[in-house]
Amino acid sequence: MGAITVADLIPVLQVAVGPVILVSGVGLLLLTMTNRLARAIDRARSLVRELREGREQDRDQVLAQVAIIYRRAKVIRITIVLAGLSVLLAAVLIISLFMTALFRWQEGLWISLVFVACMGSLIASLVTFIYDIHLSLVALKLELIQVKPDLG
């Protein structure tokens, strides 16, 4: 096995740019997701405060909202874990690309499997993110029904 040259690494660097961009893009998604989680937690705390201070007639409505927000927080947590896993797999993919060049491995199955797992994790994260958006609209509808009952 001869020494690896810069000329050998240039094609690997070109191939690795895609996963690096993926890491950056998913990082921005993670920022959005953590902000949504923080807002859901803040809203839940606000509703709990309302429960402690509130009137008895609104209790069931507020409890329903708290239940939805708690479910949203759990979904967002799963979303964040899946997006984080996608970034982790992208990093493993980048390292694997360099290792295959360094050791001149020709087997592409490992690279393919890591790439598919990375994309699968990203897709699952985005699906759960869309579900969280759905749940936030359900919670909004509950609030709006309090103001305008014929909305339901």
Protein backbone atom coordinates (compact mmCIF):
# COMPACT_ATOMS: atom_id res chain seq x y z
CA MET A 1 0.00 0.00 0.00
CA GLY A 2 1.59 3.26 -1.16
CA ALA A 3 1.30 6.63 0.48
CA ILE A 4 -1.88 8.55 -0.22
CA THR A 5 -1.32 11.76 -2.13
CA VAL A 6 -3.23 15.02 -2.20
CA ALA A 7 -4.32 14.11 -5.72
CA ASP A 8 -5.92 10.98 -4.23
CA LEU A 9 -7.76 13.06 -1.64
CA ILE A 10 -9.21 15.71 -3.97
CA PRO A 11 -11.99 13.45 -5.32
CA VAL A 12 -12.79 12.38 -1.74
CA LEU A 13 -13.03 16.01 -0.67
CA GLN A 14 -15.37 16.70 -3.57
CA VAL A 15 -17.61 13.78 -2.58
CA ALA A 16 -17.52 14.79 1.12
CA VAL A 17 -18.88 18.29 0.40
CA GLY A 18 -22.45 16.93 0.13
CA PRO A 19 -22.54 15.41 3.62
CA VAL A 20 -20.86 18.53 5.05
CA ILE A 21 -23.62 20.71 3.57
CA LEU A 22 -26.17 18.26 4.99
CA VAL A 23 -24.68 18.75 8.46
CA SER A 24 -25.04 22.51 8.09
CA GLY A 25 -28.63 22.31 6.84
CA VAL A 26 -29.74 19.89 9.54
CA GLY A 27 -28.04 22.13 12.09
CA LEU A 28 -30.40 24.92 11.08
CA LEU A 29 -33.35 22.53 11.34
CA LEU A 30 -32.18 21.55 14.83
CA LEU A 31 -32.15 25.22 15.81
CA THR A 32 -35.75 25.57 14.65
CA MET A 33 -36.77 22.38 16.44
CA THR A 34 -35.15 23.37 19.74
CA ASN A 35 -36.89 26.75 19.53
CA ARG A 36 -40.23 24.99 19.02
CA LEU A 37 -39.50 22.76 22.02
CA ALA A 38 -38.67 25.78 24.17
CA ARG A 39 -41.88 27.53 23.11
CA ALA A 40 -43.96 24.43 23.84
CA ILE A 41 -42.42 24.12 27.30
CA ASP A 42 -42.98 27.82 28.02
CA ARG A 43 -46.60 27.55 26.88
CA ALA A 44 -47.16 24.47 29.05
CA ARG A 45 -45.76 26.30 32.08
CA SER A 46 -48.03 29.25 31.35
CA LEU A 47 -51.06 26.97 31.14
CA VAL A 48 -50.12 25.24 34.40
CA ARG A 49 -49.99 28.68 36.02
CA GLU A 50 -53.46 29.36 34.62
CA LEU A 51 -54.68 26.09 36.13
CA ARG A 52 -53.42 27.09 39.56
CA GLU A 53 -54.97 30.55 39.38
CA GLY A 54 -57.84 29.93 37.00
CA ARG A 55 -61.53 29.37 37.18
CA GLU A 56 -62.96 25.89 37.47
CA GLN A 57 -65.06 26.22 34.28
CA ASP A 58 -61.96 26.59 32.07
CA ARG A 59 -60.09 23.70 33.73
CA ASP A 60 -61.05 20.97 31.22
CA GLN A 61 -60.14 23.17 28.25
CA VAL A 62 -56.76 24.10 29.75
CA LEU A 63 -56.03 20.48 30.66
CA ALA A 64 -56.76 19.45 27.07
CA GLN A 65 -54.30 22.08 25.84
CA VAL A 66 -51.65 20.94 28.33
CA ALA A 67 -52.08 17.34 27.15
CA ILE A 68 -51.56 18.37 23.52
CA ILE A 69 -48.54 20.49 24.35
CA TYR A 70 -47.01 17.65 26.36
CA ARG A 71 -47.56 15.31 23.41
CA ARG A 72 -45.99 17.94 21.13
CA ALA A 73 -42.94 18.20 23.40
CA LYS A 74 -42.46 14.43 23.21
CA VAL A 75 -42.79 14.50 19.41
CA ILE A 76 -40.31 17.38 19.16
CA ARG A 77 -37.88 15.44 21.35
CA ILE A 78 -38.09 12.49 18.94
CA THR A 79 -37.66 14.90 16.03
CA ILE A 80 -34.51 16.37 17.58
CA VAL A 81 -33.06 12.93 18.32
CA LEU A 82 -33.67 11.78 14.73
CA ALA A 83 -32.15 14.96 13.28
CA GLY A 84 -29.16 14.61 15.61
CA LEU A 85 -28.76 10.99 14.52
CA SER A 86 -28.82 12.14 10.90
CA VAL A 87 -25.98 14.59 11.60
CA LEU A 88 -24.04 11.90 13.45
CA LEU A 89 -24.45 9.50 10.52
CA ALA A 90 -23.36 12.24 8.09
CA ALA A 91 -20.20 12.68 10.16
CA VAL A 92 -19.62 8.91 10.10
CA LEU A 93 -20.16 9.01 6.34
CA ILE A 94 -17.52 11.71 5.91
CA ILE A 95 -15.01 9.78 8.02
CA SER A 96 -15.84 6.58 6.14
CA LEU A 97 -15.23 8.29 2.81
CA PHE A 98 -11.79 9.38 3.97
CA MET A 99 -10.98 5.97 5.43
CA THR A 100 -11.91 4.23 2.17
CA ALA A 101 -9.58 6.57 0.29
CA LEU A 102 -6.81 6.22 2.85
CA PHE A 103 -6.88 2.43 2.89
CA ARG A 104 -8.01 2.10 -0.73
CA TRP A 105 -11.05 0.01 0.16
CA GLN A 106 -13.27 -0.76 -2.78
CA GLU A 107 -16.28 -2.05 -0.85
CA GLY A 108 -19.11 0.48 -1.16
CA LEU A 109 -21.75 -1.36 0.88
CA TRP A 110 -20.78 0.32 4.18
CA ILE A 111 -20.87 3.80 2.61
CA SER A 112 -24.25 3.02 1.04
CA LEU A 113 -25.71 1.75 4.31
CA VAL A 114 -24.53 4.78 6.29
CA PHE A 115 -25.90 7.12 3.62
CA VAL A 116 -29.29 5.37 3.55
CA ALA A 117 -29.47 5.42 7.38
CA CYS A 118 -28.57 9.11 7.40
CA MET A 119 -31.31 9.96 4.88
CA GLY A 120 -33.81 7.67 6.60
CA SER A 121 -33.20 9.41 9.91
CA LEU A 122 -33.58 12.81 8.27
CA ILE A 123 -36.83 11.78 6.59
CA ALA A 124 -38.23 10.41 9.85
CA SER A 125 -37.22 13.63 11.61
CA LEU A 126 -39.03 15.74 9.02
CA VAL A 127 -42.15 13.56 9.22
CA THR A 128 -42.31 13.97 13.00
CA PHE A 129 -41.66 17.71 12.56
CA ILE A 130 -44.70 17.93 10.26
CA TYR A 131 -46.73 15.99 12.85
CA ASP A 132 -45.69 18.53 15.50
CA ILE A 133 -46.98 21.32 13.28
CA HIS A 134 -50.29 19.44 13.01
CA LEU A 135 -50.48 19.12 16.79
CA SER A 136 -49.82 22.84 17.23
CA LEU A 137 -52.80 23.57 14.98
CA VAL A 138 -54.95 21.22 17.05
CA ALA A 139 -53.93 23.15 20.19
CA LEU A 140 -54.70 26.45 18.47
CA LYS A 141 -58.14 25.18 17.49
CA LEU A 142 -58.84 24.32 21.14
CA GLU A 143 -57.96 27.88 22.13
CA LEU A 144 -60.05 29.38 19.36
CA ILE A 145 -63.06 27.26 20.32
CA GLN A 146 -63.01 29.00 23.71
CA VAL A 147 -63.47 32.34 21.97
CA LYS A 148 -65.72 31.19 19.13
CA PRO A 149 -67.49 27.91 20.02
CA ASP A 150 -69.00 27.35 16.54
CA LEU A 151 -65.48 26.88 15.15
CA GLY A 152 -65.35 23.22 16.22
